[in-house]
All heavy atoms as atom14 arrays in JSON, in Angstrom:
{
  "sequence": "RKNGKLLSLIDIYEELDYEIRLKTPEGEQRRSEKTTRDVFNTVLE",
  "atom14_mask": [
    [1, 1, 1, 1, 1, 1, 1, 1, 1, 1, 1, 0, 0, 0],
    [1, 1, 1, 1, 1, 1, 1, 1, 1, 0, 0, 0, 0, 0],
    [1, 1, 1, 1, 1, 1, 1, 1, 0, 0, 0, 0, 0, 0],
    [1, 1, 1, 1, 0, 0, 0, 0, 0, 0, 0, 0, 0, 0],
    [1, 1, 1, 1, 1, 1, 1, 1, 1, 0, 0, 0, 0, 0],
    [1, 1, 1, 1, 1, 1, 1, 1, 0, 0, 0, 0, 0, 0],
    [1, 1, 1, 1, 1, 1, 1, 1, 0, 0, 0, 0, 0, 0],
    [1, 1, 1, 1, 1, 1, 0, 0, 0, 0, 0, 0, 0, 0],
    [1, 1, 1, 1, 1, 1, 1, 1, 0, 0, 0, 0, 0, 0],
    [1, 1, 1, 1, 1, 1, 1, 1, 0, 0, 0, 0, 0, 0],
    [1, 1, 1, 1, 1, 1, 1, 1, 0, 0, 0, 0, 0, 0],
    [1, 1, 1, 1, 1, 1, 1, 1, 0, 0, 0, 0, 0, 0],
    [1, 1, 1, 1, 1, 1, 1, 1, 1, 1, 1, 1, 0, 0],
    [1, 1, 1, 1, 1, 1, 1, 1, 1, 0, 0, 0, 0, 0],
    [1, 1, 1, 1, 1, 1, 1, 1, 1, 0, 0, 0, 0, 0],
    [1, 1, 1, 1, 1, 1, 1, 1, 0, 0, 0, 0, 0, 0],
    [1, 1, 1, 1, 1, 1, 1, 1, 0, 0, 0, 0, 0, 0],
    [1, 1, 1, 1, 1, 1, 1, 1, 1, 1, 1, 1, 0, 0],
    [1, 1, 1, 1, 1, 1, 1, 1, 1, 0, 0, 0, 0, 0],
    [1, 1, 1, 1, 1, 1, 1, 1, 0, 0, 0, 0, 0, 0],
    [1, 1, 1, 1, 1, 1, 1, 1, 1, 1, 1, 0, 0, 0],
    [1, 1, 1, 1, 1, 1, 1, 1, 0, 0, 0, 0, 0, 0],
    [1, 1, 1, 1, 1, 1, 1, 1, 1, 0, 0, 0, 0, 0],
    [1, 1, 1, 1, 1, 1, 1, 0, 0, 0, 0, 0, 0, 0],
    [1, 1, 1, 1, 1, 1, 1, 0, 0, 0, 0, 0, 0, 0],
    [1, 1, 1, 1, 1, 1, 1, 1, 1, 0, 0, 0, 0, 0],
    [1, 1, 1, 1, 0, 0, 0, 0, 0, 0, 0, 0, 0, 0],
    [1, 1, 1, 1, 1, 1, 1, 1, 1, 0, 0, 0, 0, 0],
    [1, 1, 1, 1, 1, 1, 1, 1, 1, 0, 0, 0, 0, 0],
    [1, 1, 1, 1, 1, 1, 1, 1, 1, 1, 1, 0, 0, 0],
    [1, 1, 1, 1, 1, 1, 1, 1, 1, 1, 1, 0, 0, 0],
    [1, 1, 1, 1, 1, 1, 0, 0, 0, 0, 0, 0, 0, 0],
    [1, 1, 1, 1, 1, 1, 1, 1, 1, 0, 0, 0, 0, 0],
    [1, 1, 1, 1, 1, 1, 1, 1, 1, 0, 0, 0, 0, 0],
    [1, 1, 1, 1, 1, 1, 1, 0, 0, 0, 0, 0, 0, 0],
    [1, 1, 1, 1, 1, 1, 1, 0, 0, 0, 0, 0, 0, 0],
    [1, 1, 1, 1, 1, 1, 1, 1, 1, 1, 1, 0, 0, 0],
    [1, 1, 1, 1, 1, 1, 1, 1, 0, 0, 0, 0, 0, 0],
    [1, 1, 1, 1, 1, 1, 1, 0, 0, 0, 0, 0, 0, 0],
    [1, 1, 1, 1, 1, 1, 1, 1, 1, 1, 1, 0, 0, 0],
    [1, 1, 1, 1, 1, 1, 1, 1, 0, 0, 0, 0, 0, 0],
    [1, 1, 1, 1, 1, 1, 1, 0, 0, 0, 0, 0, 0, 0],
    [1, 1, 1, 1, 1, 1, 1, 0, 0, 0, 0, 0, 0, 0],
    [1, 1, 1, 1, 1, 1, 1, 1, 0, 0, 0, 0, 0, 0],
    [1, 1, 1, 1, 1, 1, 1, 1, 1, 0, 0, 0, 0, 0]
  ],
  "atom14_positions": [
    [[22.56, -181.27, -54.07], [23.74, -182.04, -54.47], [24.45, -181.3, -55.6], [23.82, -180.66, -56.42], [23.35, -183.44, -54.94], [22.84, -184.32, -53.84], [22.58, -185.74, -54.38], [22.12, -186.6, -53.32], [22.9, -187.25, -52.49], [24.2, -187.15, -52.58], [22.39, -188.02, -51.55], [0.0, 0.0, 0.0], [0.0, 0.0, 0.0], [0.0, 0.0, 0.0]],
    [[25.77, -181.43, -55.59], [26.58, -180.89, -56.69], [27.6, -181.95, -57.05], [28.38, -182.37, -56.19], [27.27, -179.6, -56.25], [28.03, -178.92, -57.36], [28.61, -177.6, -56.87], [29.3, -176.89, -58.01], [29.86, -175.6, -57.57], [0.0, 0.0, 0.0], [0.0, 0.0, 0.0], [0.0, 0.0, 0.0], [0.0, 0.0, 0.0], [0.0, 0.0, 0.0]],
    [[27.58, -182.39, -58.29], [28.46, -183.47, -58.77], [28.32, -184.73, -57.9], [29.3, -185.39, -57.57], [29.93, -183.02, -58.8], [30.14, -181.84, -59.72], [29.41, -181.68, -60.7], [31.13, -181.01, -59.41], [0.0, 0.0, 0.0], [0.0, 0.0, 0.0], [0.0, 0.0, 0.0], [0.0, 0.0, 0.0], [0.0, 0.0, 0.0], [0.0, 0.0, 0.0]],
    [[27.1, -185.02, -57.49], [26.82, -186.22, -56.7], [27.14, -186.08, -55.22], [26.89, -186.99, -54.44], [0.0, 0.0, 0.0], [0.0, 0.0, 0.0], [0.0, 0.0, 0.0], [0.0, 0.0, 0.0], [0.0, 0.0, 0.0], [0.0, 0.0, 0.0], [0.0, 0.0, 0.0], [0.0, 0.0, 0.0], [0.0, 0.0, 0.0], [0.0, 0.0, 0.0]],
    [[27.71, -184.95, -54.81], [28.07, -184.74, -53.4], [27.0, -183.91, -52.72], [26.56, -182.88, -53.24], [29.42, -184.02, -53.32], [29.88, -183.75, -51.9], [31.16, -182.93, -51.9], [31.5, -182.55, -50.48], [31.51, -181.15, -50.21], [0.0, 0.0, 0.0], [0.0, 0.0, 0.0], [0.0, 0.0, 0.0], [0.0, 0.0, 0.0], [0.0, 0.0, 0.0]],
    [[26.58, -184.36, -51.56], [25.6, -183.63, -50.78], [26.26, -182.39, -50.19], [27.28, -182.48, -49.51], [25.06, -184.52, -49.64], [23.88, -183.98, -48.85], [22.65, -183.82, -49.73], [23.56, -184.92, -47.7], [0.0, 0.0, 0.0], [0.0, 0.0, 0.0], [0.0, 0.0, 0.0], [0.0, 0.0, 0.0], [0.0, 0.0, 0.0], [0.0, 0.0, 0.0]],
    [[25.7, -181.22, -50.49], [26.28, -179.97, -50.01], [25.8, -179.66, -48.6], [24.65, -179.91, -48.26], [25.87, -178.81, -50.94], [26.34, -178.89, -52.38], [25.76, -177.74, -53.19], [27.85, -178.87, -52.45], [0.0, 0.0, 0.0], [0.0, 0.0, 0.0], [0.0, 0.0, 0.0], [0.0, 0.0, 0.0], [0.0, 0.0, 0.0], [0.0, 0.0, 0.0]],
    [[26.69, -179.11, -47.79], [26.29, -178.67, -46.44], [25.72, -177.26, -46.57], [25.89, -176.58, -47.58], [27.49, -178.67, -45.49], [28.36, -177.6, -45.83], [0.0, 0.0, 0.0], [0.0, 0.0, 0.0], [0.0, 0.0, 0.0], [0.0, 0.0, 0.0], [0.0, 0.0, 0.0], [0.0, 0.0, 0.0], [0.0, 0.0, 0.0], [0.0, 0.0, 0.0]],
    [[25.06, -176.8, -45.52], [24.53, -175.43, -45.54], [25.64, -174.41, -45.64], [25.47, -173.34, -46.25], [23.69, -175.18, -44.29], [22.36, -175.95, -44.21], [21.63, -175.62, -42.92], [21.48, -175.65, -45.41], [0.0, 0.0, 0.0], [0.0, 0.0, 0.0], [0.0, 0.0, 0.0], [0.0, 0.0, 0.0], [0.0, 0.0, 0.0], [0.0, 0.0, 0.0]],
    [[26.82, -174.72, -45.09], [27.97, -173.81, -45.19], [28.47, -173.76, -46.64], [28.86, -172.71, -47.13], [29.1, -174.24, -44.22], [28.63, -174.12, -42.77], [30.37, -173.44, -44.45], [28.26, -172.71, -42.33], [0.0, 0.0, 0.0], [0.0, 0.0, 0.0], [0.0, 0.0, 0.0], [0.0, 0.0, 0.0], [0.0, 0.0, 0.0], [0.0, 0.0, 0.0]],
    [[28.44, -174.92, -47.35], [28.81, -174.93, -48.77], [27.89, -174.01, -49.57], [28.32, -173.32, -50.49], [28.71, -176.35, -49.36], [29.73, -177.31, -48.77], [30.81, -176.84, -48.33], [29.46, -178.52, -48.76], [0.0, 0.0, 0.0], [0.0, 0.0, 0.0], [0.0, 0.0, 0.0], [0.0, 0.0, 0.0], [0.0, 0.0, 0.0], [0.0, 0.0, 0.0]],
    [[26.62, -173.98, -49.2], [25.63, -173.2, -49.95], [25.69, -171.72, -49.58], [25.76, -170.85, -50.45], [24.21, -173.76, -49.7], [24.12, -175.2, -50.19], [23.15, -172.88, -50.36], [22.92, -175.96, -49.69], [0.0, 0.0, 0.0], [0.0, 0.0, 0.0], [0.0, 0.0, 0.0], [0.0, 0.0, 0.0], [0.0, 0.0, 0.0], [0.0, 0.0, 0.0]],
    [[25.66, -171.41, -48.27], [25.53, -170.03, -47.82], [26.84, -169.39, -47.34], [26.89, -168.19, -47.12], [24.51, -169.95, -46.68], [23.11, -170.32, -47.1], [22.55, -171.52, -46.71], [22.35, -169.47, -47.88], [21.26, -171.87, -47.09], [21.06, -169.8, -48.26], [20.52, -171.0, -47.86], [19.25, -171.34, -48.23], [0.0, 0.0, 0.0], [0.0, 0.0, 0.0]],
    [[27.88, -170.17, -47.14], [29.19, -169.73, -46.64], [29.16, -169.27, -45.18], [30.01, -169.64, -44.4], [29.81, -168.63, -47.52], [30.19, -169.11, -48.88], [30.85, -168.04, -49.73], [31.19, -166.97, -49.18], [31.01, -168.27, -50.93], [0.0, 0.0, 0.0], [0.0, 0.0, 0.0], [0.0, 0.0, 0.0], [0.0, 0.0, 0.0], [0.0, 0.0, 0.0]],
    [[28.18, -168.47, -44.81], [28.06, -167.99, -43.42], [26.59, -168.02, -43.04], [25.73, -167.62, -43.82], [28.6, -166.57, -43.3], [28.59, -166.05, -41.88], [29.18, -164.65, -41.78], [28.54, -163.7, -42.25], [30.29, -164.53, -41.23], [0.0, 0.0, 0.0], [0.0, 0.0, 0.0], [0.0, 0.0, 0.0], [0.0, 0.0, 0.0], [0.0, 0.0, 0.0]],
    [[26.32, -168.51, -41.82], [24.96, -168.58, -41.32], [24.84, -167.8, -40.02], [25.78, -167.68, -39.26], [24.55, -170.04, -41.07], [24.39, -170.9, -42.32], [24.24, -172.36, -41.93], [23.2, -170.46, -43.15], [0.0, 0.0, 0.0], [0.0, 0.0, 0.0], [0.0, 0.0, 0.0], [0.0, 0.0, 0.0], [0.0, 0.0, 0.0], [0.0, 0.0, 0.0]],
    [[23.66, -167.27, -39.8], [23.34, -166.63, -38.52], [22.66, -167.65, -37.64], [21.9, -168.5, -38.14], [22.38, -165.45, -38.76], [22.98, -164.39, -39.67], [24.14, -164.03, -39.45], [22.27, -163.94, -40.59], [0.0, 0.0, 0.0], [0.0, 0.0, 0.0], [0.0, 0.0, 0.0], [0.0, 0.0, 0.0], [0.0, 0.0, 0.0], [0.0, 0.0, 0.0]],
    [[22.93, -167.59, -36.36], [22.16, -168.42, -35.44], [21.76, -167.58, -34.25], [22.47, -166.67, -33.84], [22.91, -169.69, -35.02], [24.16, -169.5, -34.22], [24.14, -169.56, -32.83], [25.39, -169.3, -34.84], [25.29, -169.41, -32.09], [26.55, -169.15, -34.11], [26.5, -169.2, -32.73], [27.64, -169.05, -32.0], [0.0, 0.0, 0.0], [0.0, 0.0, 0.0]],
    [[20.58, -167.86, -33.76], [20.06, -167.15, -32.6], [19.87, -168.13, -31.46], [19.27, -169.19, -31.63], [18.72, -166.48, -32.94], [18.17, -165.68, -31.77], [16.82, -165.04, -32.09], [15.83, -165.79, -32.22], [16.79, -163.81, -32.21], [0.0, 0.0, 0.0], [0.0, 0.0, 0.0], [0.0, 0.0, 0.0], [0.0, 0.0, 0.0], [0.0, 0.0, 0.0]],
    [[20.43, -167.77, -30.32], [20.28, -168.58, -29.11], [19.16, -167.97, -28.28], [19.21, -166.78, -27.95], [21.58, -168.59, -28.28], [22.74, -169.12, -29.1], [21.39, -169.39, -26.99], [24.08, -168.94, -28.44], [0.0, 0.0, 0.0], [0.0, 0.0, 0.0], [0.0, 0.0, 0.0], [0.0, 0.0, 0.0], [0.0, 0.0, 0.0], [0.0, 0.0, 0.0]],
    [[18.18, -168.78, -27.98], [17.11, -168.33, -27.07], [17.35, -169.05, -25.74], [17.39, -170.27, -25.68], [15.75, -168.66, -27.64], [15.44, -167.82, -28.86], [14.22, -168.23, -29.63], [13.07, -168.51, -28.8], [12.09, -169.36, -29.15], [12.16, -170.0, -30.3], [11.07, -169.56, -28.36], [0.0, 0.0, 0.0], [0.0, 0.0, 0.0], [0.0, 0.0, 0.0]],
    [[17.53, -168.27, -24.69], [17.81, -168.8, -23.35], [16.62, -168.49, -22.46], [16.29, -167.32, -22.23], [19.08, -168.17, -22.78], [19.47, -168.58, -21.37], [19.9, -170.04, -21.33], [20.58, -167.69, -20.84], [0.0, 0.0, 0.0], [0.0, 0.0, 0.0], [0.0, 0.0, 0.0], [0.0, 0.0, 0.0], [0.0, 0.0, 0.0], [0.0, 0.0, 0.0]],
    [[15.98, -169.55, -21.98], [14.82, -169.38, -21.1], [15.28, -169.55, -19.66], [15.91, -170.55, -19.31], [13.76, -170.42, -21.44], [12.35, -170.01, -21.05], [11.34, -171.11, -21.37], [10.95, -171.08, -22.83], [9.87, -172.03, -23.14], [0.0, 0.0, 0.0], [0.0, 0.0, 0.0], [0.0, 0.0, 0.0], [0.0, 0.0, 0.0], [0.0, 0.0, 0.0]],
    [[14.98, -168.54, -18.84], [15.34, -168.55, -17.42], [14.07, -168.39, -16.6], [13.03, -168.05, -17.15], [16.31, -167.39, -17.09], [15.59, -166.16, -17.24], [17.52, -167.38, -18.01], [0.0, 0.0, 0.0], [0.0, 0.0, 0.0], [0.0, 0.0, 0.0], [0.0, 0.0, 0.0], [0.0, 0.0, 0.0], [0.0, 0.0, 0.0], [0.0, 0.0, 0.0]],
    [[14.16, -168.59, -15.29], [12.97, -168.35, -14.45], [12.49, -166.9, -14.55], [11.31, -166.62, -14.35], [13.46, -168.67, -13.04], [14.6, -169.61, -13.23], [15.25, -169.2, -14.52], [0.0, 0.0, 0.0], [0.0, 0.0, 0.0], [0.0, 0.0, 0.0], [0.0, 0.0, 0.0], [0.0, 0.0, 0.0], [0.0, 0.0, 0.0], [0.0, 0.0, 0.0]],
    [[13.39, -165.98, -14.89], [13.02, -164.56, -14.97], [12.44, -164.18, -16.33], [11.85, -163.12, -16.47], [14.24, -163.66, -14.7], [14.77, -163.72, -13.28], [15.63, -164.95, -13.02], [16.33, -165.41, -13.95], [15.58, -165.46, -11.9], [0.0, 0.0, 0.0], [0.0, 0.0, 0.0], [0.0, 0.0, 0.0], [0.0, 0.0, 0.0], [0.0, 0.0, 0.0]],
    [[12.64, -164.99, -17.35], [12.15, -164.64, -18.68], [13.01, -165.28, -19.76], [13.66, -166.28, -19.54], [0.0, 0.0, 0.0], [0.0, 0.0, 0.0], [0.0, 0.0, 0.0], [0.0, 0.0, 0.0], [0.0, 0.0, 0.0], [0.0, 0.0, 0.0], [0.0, 0.0, 0.0], [0.0, 0.0, 0.0], [0.0, 0.0, 0.0], [0.0, 0.0, 0.0]],
    [[13.0, -164.66, -20.94], [13.74, -165.21, -22.07], [14.72, -164.17, -22.61], [14.39, -162.99, -22.7], [12.75, -165.61, -23.17], [13.38, -166.38, -24.29], [12.35, -166.89, -25.3], [11.36, -167.52, -24.88], [12.55, -166.62, -26.49], [0.0, 0.0, 0.0], [0.0, 0.0, 0.0], [0.0, 0.0, 0.0], [0.0, 0.0, 0.0], [0.0, 0.0, 0.0]],
    [[15.93, -164.64, -22.95], [16.95, -163.77, -23.53], [17.29, -164.31, -24.91], [17.2, -165.51, -25.15], [18.21, -163.75, -22.67], [18.0, -163.26, -21.26], [19.26, -163.47, -20.42], [20.34, -163.77, -20.91], [19.12, -163.31, -19.11], [0.0, 0.0, 0.0], [0.0, 0.0, 0.0], [0.0, 0.0, 0.0], [0.0, 0.0, 0.0], [0.0, 0.0, 0.0]],
    [[17.71, -163.41, -25.8], [18.12, -163.82, -27.14], [19.5, -163.25, -27.45], [19.82, -162.14, -27.04], [17.12, -163.29, -28.18], [15.76, -163.93, -28.07], [14.77, -163.23, -28.98], [13.45, -163.76, -28.79], [12.83, -164.57, -29.64], [13.43, -164.91, -30.77], [11.62, -165.02, -29.38], [0.0, 0.0, 0.0], [0.0, 0.0, 0.0], [0.0, 0.0, 0.0]],
    [[20.27, -164.04, -28.17], [21.61, -163.61, -28.56], [21.88, -164.12, -29.97], [21.66, -165.3, -30.26], [22.63, -164.18, -27.59], [24.04, -163.69, -27.83], [24.95, -164.14, -26.71], [25.81, -165.22, -27.2], [26.58, -165.95, -26.43], [26.58, -165.77, -25.13], [27.34, -166.88, -26.93], [0.0, 0.0, 0.0], [0.0, 0.0, 0.0], [0.0, 0.0, 0.0]],
    [[22.35, -163.24, -30.86], [22.62, -163.63, -32.24], [24.12, -163.71, -32.48], [24.89, -162.9, -31.98], [21.99, -162.62, -33.21], [20.6, -162.66, -33.09], [0.0, 0.0, 0.0], [0.0, 0.0, 0.0], [0.0, 0.0, 0.0], [0.0, 0.0, 0.0], [0.0, 0.0, 0.0], [0.0, 0.0, 0.0], [0.0, 0.0, 0.0], [0.0, 0.0, 0.0]],
    [[24.52, -164.71, -33.26], [25.93, -164.94, -33.61], [25.99, -165.39, -35.06], [24.98, -165.65, -35.68], [26.53, -166.03, -32.71], [26.45, -165.77, -31.23], [27.58, -164.92, -30.7], [28.64, -164.89, -31.35], [27.39, -164.29, -29.66], [0.0, 0.0, 0.0], [0.0, 0.0, 0.0], [0.0, 0.0, 0.0], [0.0, 0.0, 0.0], [0.0, 0.0, 0.0]],
    [[27.22, -165.55, -35.58], [27.44, -166.06, -36.93], [28.36, -167.27, -36.86], [29.15, -167.41, -35.93], [28.08, -164.99, -37.81], [27.17, -163.8, -38.06], [27.81, -162.84, -39.05], [26.92, -161.65, -39.34], [25.64, -161.99, -39.93], [0.0, 0.0, 0.0], [0.0, 0.0, 0.0], [0.0, 0.0, 0.0], [0.0, 0.0, 0.0], [0.0, 0.0, 0.0]],
    [[28.23, -168.16, -37.87], [29.11, -169.32, -37.93], [29.47, -169.63, -39.37], [28.7, -169.33, -40.29], [28.48, -170.56, -37.27], [29.45, -171.62, -37.25], [27.24, -171.03, -38.01], [0.0, 0.0, 0.0], [0.0, 0.0, 0.0], [0.0, 0.0, 0.0], [0.0, 0.0, 0.0], [0.0, 0.0, 0.0], [0.0, 0.0, 0.0], [0.0, 0.0, 0.0]],
    [[30.64, -170.24, -39.54], [31.08, -170.73, -40.85], [31.44, -172.22, -40.75], [32.15, -172.74, -41.59], [32.3, -169.93, -41.34], [33.33, -170.02, -40.35], [31.96, -168.48, -41.6], [0.0, 0.0, 0.0], [0.0, 0.0, 0.0], [0.0, 0.0, 0.0], [0.0, 0.0, 0.0], [0.0, 0.0, 0.0], [0.0, 0.0, 0.0], [0.0, 0.0, 0.0]],
    [[30.92, -172.88, -39.71], [31.24, -174.3, -39.48], [29.96, -175.12, -39.35], [28.94, -174.62, -38.89], [32.09, -174.44, -38.22], [33.43, -173.71, -38.38], [34.31, -173.71, -37.18], [34.53, -175.04, -36.65], [34.8, -175.27, -35.37], [34.89, -174.27, -34.52], [34.99, -176.48, -34.94], [0.0, 0.0, 0.0], [0.0, 0.0, 0.0], [0.0, 0.0, 0.0]],
    [[30.04, -176.38, -39.76], [28.88, -177.29, -39.69], [28.58, -177.72, -38.26], [27.44, -177.97, -37.91], [29.12, -178.54, -40.54], [29.11, -178.22, -42.02], [28.26, -177.42, -42.44], [29.95, -178.77, -42.76], [0.0, 0.0, 0.0], [0.0, 0.0, 0.0], [0.0, 0.0, 0.0], [0.0, 0.0, 0.0], [0.0, 0.0, 0.0], [0.0, 0.0, 0.0]],
    [[29.64, -177.85, -37.45], [29.49, -178.2, -36.03], [30.3, -177.17, -35.25], [31.46, -176.94, -35.55], [30.01, -179.63, -35.74], [29.88, -179.95, -34.26], [29.26, -180.66, -36.57], [0.0, 0.0, 0.0], [0.0, 0.0, 0.0], [0.0, 0.0, 0.0], [0.0, 0.0, 0.0], [0.0, 0.0, 0.0], [0.0, 0.0, 0.0], [0.0, 0.0, 0.0]],
    [[29.67, -176.56, -34.26], [30.38, -175.53, -33.51], [29.91, -175.52, -32.06], [28.86, -176.07, -31.72], [30.2, -174.15, -34.15], [28.77, -173.7, -34.28], [28.16, -172.94, -33.3], [28.03, -174.04, -35.41], [26.85, -172.54, -33.43], [26.72, -173.63, -35.55], [26.12, -172.88, -34.56], [0.0, 0.0, 0.0], [0.0, 0.0, 0.0], [0.0, 0.0, 0.0]],
    [[30.75, -174.92, -31.22], [30.47, -174.79, -29.79], [30.33, -173.34, -29.43], [31.01, -172.49, -29.99], [31.64, -175.36, -28.96], [31.44, -176.8, -28.63], [30.89, -177.53, -29.43], [31.91, -177.2, -27.48], [0.0, 0.0, 0.0], [0.0, 0.0, 0.0], [0.0, 0.0, 0.0], [0.0, 0.0, 0.0], [0.0, 0.0, 0.0], [0.0, 0.0, 0.0]],
    [[29.51, -173.08, -28.43], [29.43, -171.75, -27.84], [29.17, -171.94, -26.35], [28.6, -172.94, -25.94], [28.35, -170.88, -28.53], [28.44, -169.56, -28.01], [26.97, -171.43, -28.31], [0.0, 0.0, 0.0], [0.0, 0.0, 0.0], [0.0, 0.0, 0.0], [0.0, 0.0, 0.0], [0.0, 0.0, 0.0], [0.0, 0.0, 0.0], [0.0, 0.0, 0.0]],
    [[29.62, -170.99, -25.56], [29.46, -171.08, -24.1], [28.68, -169.86, -23.62], [29.02, -168.73, -23.95], [30.82, -171.16, -23.38], [30.64, -171.19, -21.87], [31.6, -172.37, -23.85], [0.0, 0.0, 0.0], [0.0, 0.0, 0.0], [0.0, 0.0, 0.0], [0.0, 0.0, 0.0], [0.0, 0.0, 0.0], [0.0, 0.0, 0.0], [0.0, 0.0, 0.0]],
    [[27.62, -170.11, -22.88], [26.87, -169.03, -22.23], [27.42, -168.9, -20.82], [27.31, -169.83, -20.02], [25.37, -169.34, -22.19], [24.68, -169.5, -23.54], [23.2, -169.83, -23.34], [24.83, -168.25, -24.37], [0.0, 0.0, 0.0], [0.0, 0.0, 0.0], [0.0, 0.0, 0.0], [0.0, 0.0, 0.0], [0.0, 0.0, 0.0], [0.0, 0.0, 0.0]],
    [[28.03, -167.76, -20.54], [28.7, -167.57, -19.26], [27.91, -166.61, -18.37], [26.9, -166.06, -18.78], [30.11, -167.02, -19.48], [30.99, -168.0, -20.23], [32.38, -167.46, -20.47], [32.51, -166.4, -21.1], [33.32, -168.12, -20.02], [0.0, 0.0, 0.0], [0.0, 0.0, 0.0], [0.0, 0.0, 0.0], [0.0, 0.0, 0.0], [0.0, 0.0, 0.0]]
  ]
}
């Protein structure tokens, strides 16, 4: 908290890395991305 306000992870770190692990019948794939938003969308095509 800062001044009584609960800080988000974006408030603290500004940018976060996220890793998507995709499990398929053939195995597992990994993909890394970055975000600066508390809620975000991504599409695996």
